Amino acid sequence: MLSYDGDPPGASGSPDDLRAQVRRFAGERGWDEISAPAALLLNLVAETGELAQLFRWLSPSEAAARMADQRFAADVRCEMGDIYWSILRLADVLDVDLTAALLAKLELLAERHPRPSQGTN
């Protein structure tokens, strides 16, 4: 397996740190010119489809059993890494703060879906 030849990842692994690493990685390879939002979105959709294909037709218990297989789990991690890369790269190109976006989404979801009252299911 190839390893990234840049500086080792930051200890925090925060979205901002990872976004900076993705930016540097892409820049070092001249990928800025091929990083149009539409192309990045299509890549995100393609990678998501590859992950979905791994779980297609599997029940939750079958999926859990498959994840016990090291090769299958490695494939899942690889596809999820591709998806995370795509999201980080798109966020960088569009200058979206992913942490702020997620926190805003959680707030919106909390408003839409309040906690059930105590004593109810």
Foldseek 3Di string as FASTA:
>chain_A
DDDDPDDDQDPVPDLVSVLVVLVVVCVVVVNPVVLDLVNLVVQLVVLVVQLCVLCPPPDPVRVVVQCVDPVSVVSNVVSVVSNSSSVSSSCSVVVNDVVVVVVVVVVVVCVVDPDDDPPDD
